[in-house]
Amino acid sequence: MHFIFFISMLTKHQQLHTEDKPYKCPYCDKSFTLSSRLVLHKRTHAGEKPHTCRLCSKTFISSTHLALHLRSHTGERKYKCSVCSKMFMQASQLMRHKTIHTGEKPFKCPDCNKAFTQKAGLIIHLRLHTGERPFKCDKCGKAFRTSAHLLSHQALELGEGRYTCLYKNLPLHSFLHLT
């Protein structure tokens, strides 16, 4: 019985490494190797977060995400960098951190070959090529490539959360100008 379960789990895991992603989201262009991943993804479109942290009431789309979040309350960090001994809560955080030491940039742009240490950097860069601007100001309709650019726009153009110089009482465009 255990052997059959192992084979089933192995088969599911191997599907993650195939290019075949038959489960397509009806709301966006994402597709998945496992139907269970599509189910979780669809929750992001619906705003559905059925798993609630009993300590702070924050909600999550899956019990796995909730379990990872609970570590933030306990401070548990069980993944250690072998180079600098820094500790992390998640294995993925450690893997991302290790690129600092190796200089590795595994995420490459298919259009211009620019490389990035993190997937998030590549995703933002790709928006230069596609013109995608997913962060839209709900007051004026202007759209931005990053949430940081939207926040800066809101502070500058709309006066929301505007930063002020303490010495000359002059408005500053963003938090970045304080340095």
N, C-alpha and C. Protein backbone atom coordinates (compact mmCIF):
# COMPACT_ATOMS: atom_id res chain seq x y z
N MET A 1 0.82 -1.19 0.00
CA MET A 1 0.00 0.00 0.00
C MET A 1 0.87 1.26 0.00
N HIS A 2 1.92 1.31 0.82
CA HIS A 2 2.81 2.47 0.87
C HIS A 2 3.51 2.68 -0.46
N PHE A 3 3.86 1.59 -1.14
CA PHE A 3 4.56 1.67 -2.41
C PHE A 3 3.67 2.34 -3.46
N ILE A 4 2.39 1.98 -3.48
CA ILE A 4 1.45 2.58 -4.44
C ILE A 4 1.32 4.08 -4.18
N PHE A 5 1.24 4.47 -2.92
CA PHE A 5 1.16 5.88 -2.55
C PHE A 5 2.41 6.62 -3.02
N PHE A 6 3.59 5.99 -2.81
CA PHE A 6 4.85 6.59 -3.22
C PHE A 6 4.88 6.81 -4.73
N ILE A 7 4.45 5.80 -5.50
CA ILE A 7 4.44 5.91 -6.96
C ILE A 7 3.49 7.04 -7.40
N SER A 8 2.34 7.13 -6.74
CA SER A 8 1.38 8.19 -7.05
C SER A 8 2.00 9.57 -6.80
N MET A 9 2.67 9.73 -5.66
CA MET A 9 3.30 11.01 -5.33
C MET A 9 4.45 11.32 -6.29
N LEU A 10 5.22 10.30 -6.65
CA LEU A 10 6.33 10.48 -7.59
C LEU A 10 5.81 10.93 -8.95
N THR A 11 4.73 10.32 -9.40
CA THR A 11 4.13 10.69 -10.68
C THR A 11 3.68 12.15 -10.66
N LYS A 12 3.02 12.56 -9.59
CA LYS A 12 2.59 13.95 -9.46
C LYS A 12 3.78 14.90 -9.47
N HIS A 13 4.83 14.53 -8.75
CA HIS A 13 6.03 15.38 -8.70
C HIS A 13 6.66 15.51 -10.08
N GLN A 14 6.75 14.40 -10.81
CA GLN A 14 7.38 14.43 -12.13
C GLN A 14 6.60 15.32 -13.09
N GLN A 15 5.28 15.41 -12.91
CA GLN A 15 4.47 16.28 -13.75
C GLN A 15 4.89 17.74 -13.61
N LEU A 16 5.40 18.10 -12.45
CA LEU A 16 5.83 19.48 -12.23
C LEU A 16 6.98 19.87 -13.15
N HIS A 17 7.76 18.87 -13.59
CA HIS A 17 8.95 19.13 -14.39
C HIS A 17 8.70 19.01 -15.89
N THR A 18 7.47 18.73 -16.29
CA THR A 18 7.18 18.61 -17.72
C THR A 18 6.75 19.97 -18.26
N GLU A 19 6.84 20.11 -19.55
CA GLU A 19 6.41 21.34 -20.21
C GLU A 19 4.89 21.35 -20.39
N ASP A 20 4.27 20.17 -20.31
CA ASP A 20 2.84 20.04 -20.51
C ASP A 20 2.08 20.61 -19.32
N LYS A 21 1.29 21.63 -19.58
CA LYS A 21 0.48 22.25 -18.52
C LYS A 21 -0.97 22.31 -19.02
N PRO A 22 -1.66 21.19 -18.87
CA PRO A 22 -3.01 21.10 -19.46
C PRO A 22 -4.11 21.85 -18.71
N TYR A 23 -3.85 22.28 -17.48
CA TYR A 23 -4.88 22.94 -16.69
C TYR A 23 -4.75 24.46 -16.82
N LYS A 24 -5.62 25.04 -17.64
CA LYS A 24 -5.52 26.46 -17.97
C LYS A 24 -6.55 27.28 -17.18
N CYS A 25 -6.09 28.42 -16.71
CA CYS A 25 -6.97 29.32 -15.97
C CYS A 25 -7.91 30.01 -16.96
N PRO A 26 -9.21 29.99 -16.68
CA PRO A 26 -10.16 30.66 -17.58
C PRO A 26 -10.14 32.19 -17.46
N TYR A 27 -9.44 32.71 -16.44
CA TYR A 27 -9.45 34.15 -16.18
C TYR A 27 -8.19 34.88 -16.62
N CYS A 28 -7.09 34.13 -16.81
CA CYS A 28 -5.84 34.76 -17.24
C CYS A 28 -5.07 33.75 -18.09
N ASP A 29 -3.83 34.07 -18.45
CA ASP A 29 -3.07 33.20 -19.35
C ASP A 29 -2.22 32.15 -18.65
N LYS A 30 -2.39 31.97 -17.35
CA LYS A 30 -1.58 30.98 -16.62
C LYS A 30 -2.12 29.58 -16.83
N SER A 31 -1.19 28.60 -16.83
CA SER A 31 -1.58 27.20 -16.91
C SER A 31 -0.72 26.39 -15.96
N PHE A 32 -1.21 25.21 -15.60
CA PHE A 32 -0.60 24.42 -14.53
C PHE A 32 -0.50 22.95 -14.89
N THR A 33 0.48 22.29 -14.28
CA THR A 33 0.67 20.85 -14.50
C THR A 33 -0.31 20.03 -13.68
N LEU A 34 -0.76 20.56 -12.55
CA LEU A 34 -1.67 19.84 -11.66
C LEU A 34 -2.98 20.59 -11.52
N SER A 35 -4.08 19.86 -11.51
CA SER A 35 -5.39 20.50 -11.35
C SER A 35 -5.52 21.17 -9.98
N SER A 36 -4.86 20.60 -8.97
CA SER A 36 -4.92 21.19 -7.62
C SER A 36 -4.28 22.57 -7.59
N ARG A 37 -3.23 22.77 -8.39
CA ARG A 37 -2.59 24.09 -8.46
C ARG A 37 -3.52 25.11 -9.13
N LEU A 38 -4.26 24.65 -10.14
CA LEU A 38 -5.23 25.54 -10.80
C LEU A 38 -6.32 25.95 -9.82
N VAL A 39 -6.80 25.00 -9.02
CA VAL A 39 -7.84 25.31 -8.03
C VAL A 39 -7.36 26.41 -7.08
N LEU A 40 -6.12 26.28 -6.58
CA LEU A 40 -5.56 27.31 -5.69
C LEU A 40 -5.43 28.65 -6.41
N HIS A 41 -4.94 28.60 -7.65
CA HIS A 41 -4.75 29.83 -8.42
C HIS A 41 -6.08 30.56 -8.64
N LYS A 42 -7.13 29.82 -8.94
CA LYS A 42 -8.43 30.44 -9.20
C LYS A 42 -8.94 31.19 -7.97
N ARG A 43 -8.51 30.77 -6.80
CA ARG A 43 -8.89 31.47 -5.58
C ARG A 43 -8.36 32.90 -5.57
N THR A 44 -7.21 33.13 -6.21
CA THR A 44 -6.65 34.49 -6.24
C THR A 44 -7.57 35.42 -7.04
N HIS A 45 -8.19 34.89 -8.09
CA HIS A 45 -9.11 35.72 -8.89
C HIS A 45 -10.40 36.00 -8.13
N ALA A 46 -10.84 35.01 -7.35
CA ALA A 46 -12.10 35.15 -6.61
C ALA A 46 -11.91 35.89 -5.29
N GLY A 47 -10.64 36.09 -4.89
CA GLY A 47 -10.38 36.72 -3.60
C GLY A 47 -10.69 35.79 -2.45
N GLU A 48 -10.76 34.51 -2.76
CA GLU A 48 -11.12 33.50 -1.75
C GLU A 48 -9.89 33.07 -0.95
N LYS A 49 -9.96 33.24 0.36
CA LYS A 49 -8.87 32.84 1.26
C LYS A 49 -9.48 32.14 2.46
N PRO A 50 -9.75 30.84 2.33
CA PRO A 50 -10.50 30.13 3.37
C PRO A 50 -9.72 29.73 4.62
N HIS A 51 -8.40 29.91 4.61
CA HIS A 51 -7.58 29.48 5.75
C HIS A 51 -7.14 30.71 6.55
N THR A 52 -7.53 30.76 7.82
CA THR A 52 -7.29 31.93 8.67
C THR A 52 -6.31 31.63 9.79
N CYS A 53 -5.35 32.54 9.99
CA CYS A 53 -4.40 32.42 11.09
C CYS A 53 -5.13 32.72 12.40
N ARG A 54 -5.03 31.82 13.35
CA ARG A 54 -5.72 31.99 14.64
C ARG A 54 -5.03 33.04 15.51
N LEU A 55 -3.80 33.44 15.14
CA LEU A 55 -3.06 34.40 15.95
C LEU A 55 -3.26 35.86 15.50
N CYS A 56 -3.41 36.06 14.19
CA CYS A 56 -3.52 37.44 13.70
C CYS A 56 -4.68 37.66 12.73
N SER A 57 -5.40 36.61 12.42
CA SER A 57 -6.57 36.66 11.52
C SER A 57 -6.24 36.90 10.06
N LYS A 58 -4.97 36.85 9.67
CA LYS A 58 -4.61 36.96 8.26
C LYS A 58 -5.12 35.72 7.54
N THR A 59 -5.56 35.87 6.29
CA THR A 59 -6.14 34.75 5.56
C THR A 59 -5.27 34.32 4.38
N PHE A 60 -5.40 33.05 3.98
CA PHE A 60 -4.56 32.45 2.95
C PHE A 60 -5.37 31.55 2.03
N ILE A 61 -4.85 31.34 0.81
CA ILE A 61 -5.56 30.51 -0.15
C ILE A 61 -5.38 29.02 0.11
N SER A 62 -4.33 28.65 0.87
CA SER A 62 -4.10 27.22 1.14
C SER A 62 -3.61 27.00 2.56
N SER A 63 -3.78 25.77 3.02
CA SER A 63 -3.29 25.42 4.35
C SER A 63 -1.76 25.44 4.39
N THR A 64 -1.13 25.17 3.25
CA THR A 64 0.33 25.22 3.16
C THR A 64 0.84 26.64 3.38
N HIS A 65 0.18 27.61 2.74
CA HIS A 65 0.57 29.01 2.92
C HIS A 65 0.35 29.45 4.37
N LEU A 66 -0.72 28.96 4.98
CA LEU A 66 -0.99 29.28 6.38
C LEU A 66 0.11 28.71 7.27
N ALA A 67 0.51 27.46 7.01
CA ALA A 67 1.56 26.82 7.82
C ALA A 67 2.87 27.60 7.71
N LEU A 68 3.21 28.06 6.51
CA LEU A 68 4.43 28.87 6.34
C LEU A 68 4.31 30.19 7.10
N HIS A 69 3.13 30.80 7.05
CA HIS A 69 2.90 32.05 7.77
C HIS A 69 3.05 31.87 9.28
N LEU A 70 2.57 30.76 9.81
CA LEU A 70 2.64 30.53 11.26
C LEU A 70 4.07 30.60 11.78
N ARG A 71 5.03 30.25 10.92
CA ARG A 71 6.45 30.34 11.32
C ARG A 71 6.85 31.78 11.61
N SER A 72 6.18 32.74 10.98
CA SER A 72 6.52 34.15 11.23
C SER A 72 6.17 34.54 12.66
N HIS A 73 5.19 33.86 13.25
CA HIS A 73 4.83 34.15 14.64
C HIS A 73 5.79 33.48 15.62
N THR A 74 6.28 32.31 15.25
CA THR A 74 7.16 31.57 16.16
C THR A 74 8.62 31.99 15.99
N GLY A 75 8.94 32.58 14.83
CA GLY A 75 10.32 32.94 14.55
C GLY A 75 11.17 31.76 14.12
N GLU A 76 10.51 30.62 13.88
CA GLU A 76 11.23 29.40 13.50
C GLU A 76 11.93 29.59 12.16
N ARG A 77 13.23 29.37 12.18
CA ARG A 77 14.05 29.47 10.96
C ARG A 77 14.93 28.23 10.92
N LYS A 78 14.53 27.27 10.09
CA LYS A 78 15.25 26.00 10.11
C LYS A 78 16.16 25.78 8.90
N TYR A 79 16.25 26.76 8.00
CA TYR A 79 17.11 26.62 6.83
C TYR A 79 18.30 27.56 6.95
N LYS A 80 19.52 26.99 6.98
CA LYS A 80 20.74 27.75 7.25
C LYS A 80 21.64 27.81 6.02
N CYS A 81 22.13 29.00 5.72
CA CYS A 81 23.07 29.19 4.62
C CYS A 81 24.42 28.62 5.04
N SER A 82 24.98 27.77 4.22
CA SER A 82 26.26 27.14 4.54
C SER A 82 27.44 28.11 4.40
N VAL A 83 27.23 29.23 3.73
CA VAL A 83 28.30 30.20 3.53
C VAL A 83 28.36 31.24 4.65
N CYS A 84 27.22 31.84 4.99
CA CYS A 84 27.23 32.93 5.97
C CYS A 84 26.43 32.64 7.24
N SER A 85 25.84 31.48 7.31
CA SER A 85 25.06 31.02 8.48
C SER A 85 23.75 31.77 8.72
N LYS A 86 23.32 32.59 7.77
CA LYS A 86 22.03 33.27 7.91
C LYS A 86 20.93 32.22 7.86
N MET A 87 19.90 32.43 8.69
CA MET A 87 18.81 31.46 8.80
C MET A 87 17.55 31.97 8.08
N PHE A 88 16.78 31.01 7.53
CA PHE A 88 15.56 31.33 6.79
C PHE A 88 14.41 30.44 7.20
N MET A 89 13.20 30.96 7.02
CA MET A 89 12.00 30.20 7.37
C MET A 89 11.63 29.18 6.29
N GLN A 90 11.97 29.49 5.04
CA GLN A 90 11.58 28.62 3.93
C GLN A 90 12.80 28.23 3.12
N ALA A 91 12.76 27.01 2.57
CA ALA A 91 13.85 26.53 1.73
C ALA A 91 13.99 27.43 0.50
N SER A 92 12.88 27.91 -0.03
CA SER A 92 12.93 28.77 -1.22
C SER A 92 13.63 30.09 -0.92
N GLN A 93 13.48 30.60 0.31
CA GLN A 93 14.17 31.83 0.70
C GLN A 93 15.68 31.60 0.74
N LEU A 94 16.09 30.44 1.25
CA LEU A 94 17.51 30.10 1.30
C LEU A 94 18.08 29.98 -0.11
N MET A 95 17.35 29.30 -1.00
CA MET A 95 17.83 29.14 -2.38
C MET A 95 18.00 30.50 -3.06
N ARG A 96 17.04 31.39 -2.86
CA ARG A 96 17.11 32.73 -3.43
C ARG A 96 18.31 33.48 -2.85
N HIS A 97 18.54 33.34 -1.54
CA HIS A 97 19.66 34.00 -0.86
C HIS A 97 21.00 33.53 -1.39
N LYS A 98 21.13 32.25 -1.67
CA LYS A 98 22.41 31.68 -2.10
C LYS A 98 22.94 32.31 -3.38
N THR A 99 22.06 32.87 -4.20
CA THR A 99 22.53 33.51 -5.43
C THR A 99 23.39 34.73 -5.13
N ILE A 100 23.25 35.30 -3.93
CA ILE A 100 24.10 36.42 -3.52
C ILE A 100 25.56 35.98 -3.47
N HIS A 101 25.78 34.78 -2.95
CA HIS A 101 27.15 34.26 -2.80
C HIS A 101 27.71 33.74 -4.12
N THR A 102 26.87 33.14 -4.94
CA THR A 102 27.36 32.52 -6.18
C THR A 102 27.41 33.50 -7.34
N GLY A 103 26.63 34.58 -7.25
CA GLY A 103 26.55 35.51 -8.37
C GLY A 103 25.69 34.96 -9.50
N GLU A 104 25.08 33.82 -9.26
CA GLU A 104 24.26 33.16 -10.27
C GLU A 104 23.03 34.01 -10.59
N LYS A 105 22.72 34.07 -11.87
CA LYS A 105 21.52 34.77 -12.33
C LYS A 105 20.75 33.80 -13.24
N PRO A 106 19.99 32.91 -12.62
CA PRO A 106 19.35 31.84 -13.40
C PRO A 106 18.13 32.26 -14.22
N PHE A 107 17.60 33.46 -13.99
CA PHE A 107 16.38 33.87 -14.69
C PHE A 107 16.75 34.81 -15.83
N LYS A 108 16.66 34.28 -17.07
CA LYS A 108 17.09 35.01 -18.25
C LYS A 108 15.91 35.44 -19.10
N CYS A 109 15.99 36.66 -19.61
CA CYS A 109 14.96 37.19 -20.49
C CYS A 109 15.09 36.51 -21.86
N PRO A 110 14.02 35.94 -22.38
CA PRO A 110 14.10 35.29 -23.69
C PRO A 110 14.23 36.28 -24.84
N ASP A 111 13.93 37.55 -24.60
CA ASP A 111 13.99 38.55 -25.66
C ASP A 111 15.36 39.21 -25.80
N CYS A 112 16.00 39.54 -24.66
CA CYS A 112 17.26 40.28 -24.73
C CYS A 112 18.40 39.62 -23.94
N ASN A 113 18.14 38.48 -23.33
CA ASN A 113 19.13 37.71 -22.56
C ASN A 113 19.61 38.37 -21.27
N LYS A 114 18.99 39.46 -20.85
CA LYS A 114 19.34 40.04 -19.56
C LYS A 114 19.00 39.02 -18.48
N ALA A 115 19.88 38.89 -17.47
CA ALA A 115 19.70 37.86 -16.45
C ALA A 115 19.43 38.48 -15.08
N PHE A 116 18.72 37.73 -14.26
CA PHE A 116 18.30 38.20 -12.94
C PHE A 116 18.52 37.12 -11.89
N THR A 117 18.78 37.56 -10.67
CA THR A 117 18.96 36.61 -9.57
C THR A 117 17.63 36.07 -9.08
N GLN A 118 16.55 36.86 -9.26
CA GLN A 118 15.24 36.45 -8.77
C GLN A 118 14.21 36.48 -9.89
N LYS A 119 13.25 35.57 -9.80
CA LYS A 119 12.19 35.48 -10.79
C LYS A 119 11.38 36.77 -10.85
N ALA A 120 11.16 37.38 -9.69
CA ALA A 120 10.39 38.63 -9.64
C ALA A 120 11.03 39.72 -10.49
N GLY A 121 12.36 39.79 -10.47
CA GLY A 121 13.07 40.77 -11.29
C GLY A 121 12.84 40.54 -12.77
N LEU A 122 12.85 39.28 -13.18
CA LEU A 122 12.60 38.94 -14.58
C LEU A 122 11.17 39.30 -14.97
N ILE A 123 10.22 38.99 -14.11
CA ILE A 123 8.81 39.28 -14.41
C ILE A 123 8.61 40.78 -14.63
N ILE A 124 9.20 41.60 -13.78
CA ILE A 124 9.09 43.05 -13.93
C ILE A 124 9.77 43.50 -15.22
N HIS A 125 10.95 42.93 -15.52
CA HIS A 125 11.68 43.28 -16.73
C HIS A 125 10.88 42.92 -17.99
N LEU A 126 10.25 41.75 -17.98
CA LEU A 126 9.48 41.31 -19.15
C LEU A 126 8.38 42.30 -19.51
N ARG A 127 7.90 43.03 -18.53
CA ARG A 127 6.86 44.02 -18.78
C ARG A 127 7.36 45.16 -19.67
N LEU A 128 8.68 45.36 -19.72
CA LEU A 128 9.24 46.35 -20.65
C LEU A 128 8.98 45.92 -22.08
N HIS A 129 9.14 44.60 -22.33
CA HIS A 129 8.96 44.07 -23.68
C HIS A 129 7.48 43.95 -24.06
N THR A 130 6.66 43.56 -23.11
CA THR A 130 5.24 43.33 -23.41
C THR A 130 4.39 44.59 -23.30
N GLY A 131 4.90 45.57 -22.57
CA GLY A 131 4.12 46.78 -22.34
C GLY A 131 3.08 46.62 -21.24
N GLU A 132 3.09 45.46 -20.58
CA GLU A 132 2.10 45.20 -19.53
C GLU A 132 2.31 46.15 -18.35
N ARG A 133 1.22 46.69 -17.87
CA ARG A 133 1.23 47.59 -16.70
C ARG A 133 0.05 47.19 -15.81
N PRO A 134 0.26 46.18 -14.97
CA PRO A 134 -0.86 45.61 -14.21
C PRO A 134 -1.30 46.40 -12.98
N PHE A 135 -0.56 47.42 -12.59
CA PHE A 135 -0.90 48.18 -11.38
C PHE A 135 -1.52 49.51 -11.78
N LYS A 136 -2.83 49.60 -11.59
CA LYS A 136 -3.59 50.75 -12.09
C LYS A 136 -4.06 51.64 -10.94
N CYS A 137 -3.89 52.92 -11.13
CA CYS A 137 -4.36 53.91 -10.15
C CYS A 137 -5.89 53.99 -10.26
N ASP A 138 -6.56 53.75 -9.15
CA ASP A 138 -8.03 53.77 -9.18
C ASP A 138 -8.60 55.19 -9.19
N LYS A 139 -7.73 56.18 -9.05
CA LYS A 139 -8.21 57.58 -9.07
C LYS A 139 -8.11 58.21 -10.46
N CYS A 140 -6.99 57.94 -11.17
CA CYS A 140 -6.80 58.59 -12.47
C CYS A 140 -6.71 57.61 -13.64
N GLY A 141 -6.57 56.32 -13.34
CA GLY A 141 -6.53 55.32 -14.40
C GLY A 141 -5.15 55.03 -14.97
N LYS A 142 -4.14 55.79 -14.57
CA LYS A 142 -2.79 55.56 -15.07
C LYS A 142 -2.28 54.22 -14.55
N ALA A 143 -1.55 53.48 -15.41
CA ALA A 143 -1.09 52.14 -15.04
C ALA A 143 0.44 52.09 -14.97
N PHE A 144 0.96 51.16 -14.16
CA PHE A 144 2.39 51.07 -13.88
C PHE A 144 2.88 49.63 -13.92
N ARG A 145 4.18 49.48 -14.17
CA ARG A 145 4.78 48.14 -14.24
C ARG A 145 4.95 47.51 -12.87
N THR A 146 5.14 48.31 -11.82
CA THR A 146 5.36 47.77 -10.48
C THR A 146 4.44 48.46 -9.47
N SER A 147 4.19 47.77 -8.38
CA SER A 147 3.37 48.36 -7.32
C SER A 147 4.11 49.54 -6.68
N ALA A 148 5.45 49.48 -6.65
CA ALA A 148 6.24 50.58 -6.09
C ALA A 148 6.05 51.86 -6.91
N HIS A 149 5.99 51.73 -8.24
CA HIS A 149 5.77 52.90 -9.10
C HIS A 149 4.37 53.47 -8.87
N LEU A 150 3.39 52.59 -8.67
CA LEU A 150 2.03 53.06 -8.38
C LEU A 150 2.00 53.83 -7.06
N LEU A 151 2.64 53.29 -6.03
CA LEU A 151 2.66 53.96 -4.73
C LEU A 151 3.36 55.32 -4.82
N SER A 152 4.44 55.38 -5.58
CA SER A 152 5.16 56.64 -5.76
C SER A 152 4.26 57.66 -6.48
N HIS A 153 3.54 57.19 -7.50
CA HIS A 153 2.60 58.05 -8.23
C HIS A 153 1.53 58.60 -7.29
N GLN A 154 0.99 57.73 -6.46
CA GLN A 154 -0.07 58.16 -5.55
C GLN A 154 0.44 59.20 -4.56
N ALA A 155 1.69 59.03 -4.12
CA ALA A 155 2.27 60.00 -3.19
C ALA A 155 2.54 61.33 -3.87
N LEU A 156 3.06 61.28 -5.10
CA LEU A 156 3.44 62.50 -5.82
C LEU A 156 2.24 63.23 -6.41
N GLU A 157 1.46 62.52 -7.21
CA GLU A 157 0.37 63.15 -7.95
C GLU A 157 -0.88 63.40 -7.12
N LEU A 158 -1.15 62.50 -6.20
CA LEU A 158 -2.42 62.58 -5.48
C LEU A 158 -2.27 63.06 -4.04
N GLY A 159 -1.01 63.20 -3.60
CA GLY A 159 -0.78 63.68 -2.25
C GLY A 159 -1.07 62.66 -1.18
N GLU A 160 -1.26 61.40 -1.56
CA GLU A 160 -1.53 60.35 -0.58
C GLU A 160 -0.22 59.90 0.04
N GLY A 161 -0.13 60.00 1.33
CA GLY A 161 1.09 59.56 2.02
C GLY A 161 2.30 60.36 1.61
N ARG A 162 2.10 61.62 1.26
CA ARG A 162 3.21 62.47 0.80
C ARG A 162 4.27 62.61 1.89
N TYR A 163 5.52 62.56 1.48
CA TYR A 163 6.64 62.70 2.41
C TYR A 163 7.06 64.17 2.44
N THR A 164 7.45 64.66 3.59
CA THR A 164 7.85 66.06 3.71
C THR A 164 9.21 66.16 4.36
N CYS A 165 10.07 67.04 3.83
CA CYS A 165 11.37 67.29 4.41
C CYS A 165 11.18 68.03 5.73
N LEU A 166 11.76 67.52 6.79
CA LEU A 166 11.58 68.11 8.12
C LEU A 166 12.30 69.45 8.26
N TYR A 167 13.33 69.68 7.44
CA TYR A 167 14.13 70.89 7.59
C TYR A 167 13.56 72.08 6.81
N LYS A 168 13.03 71.83 5.62
CA LYS A 168 12.55 72.95 4.79
C LYS A 168 11.06 72.87 4.49
N ASN A 169 10.38 71.87 5.03
CA ASN A 169 8.95 71.69 4.83
C ASN A 169 8.58 71.61 3.34
N LEU A 170 9.45 70.95 2.56
CA LEU A 170 9.20 70.78 1.13
C LEU A 170 8.70 69.37 0.86
N PRO A 171 7.74 69.22 -0.06
CA PRO A 171 7.27 67.87 -0.38
C PRO A 171 8.33 67.10 -1.16
N LEU A 172 8.42 65.82 -0.89
CA LEU A 172 9.34 64.95 -1.60
C LEU A 172 8.52 63.99 -2.45
N HIS A 173 9.05 63.61 -3.59
CA HIS A 173 8.30 62.78 -4.52
C HIS A 173 8.02 61.38 -3.99
N SER A 174 8.97 60.82 -3.30
CA SER A 174 8.76 59.46 -2.79
C SER A 174 9.72 59.18 -1.67
N PHE A 175 9.49 58.08 -1.05
CA PHE A 175 10.36 57.60 0.01
C PHE A 175 11.80 57.50 -0.47
N LEU A 176 12.01 57.18 -1.75
CA LEU A 176 13.35 57.01 -2.31
C LEU A 176 14.16 58.29 -2.29
N HIS A 177 13.51 59.44 -2.38
CA HIS A 177 14.22 60.71 -2.38
C HIS A 177 14.73 61.11 -1.00
N LEU A 178 14.38 60.36 0.01
CA LEU A 178 14.83 60.68 1.36
C LEU A 178 16.28 60.28 1.59
N THR A 179 16.84 59.46 0.71
CA THR A 179 18.22 58.97 0.89
C THR A 179 19.22 59.87 0.24
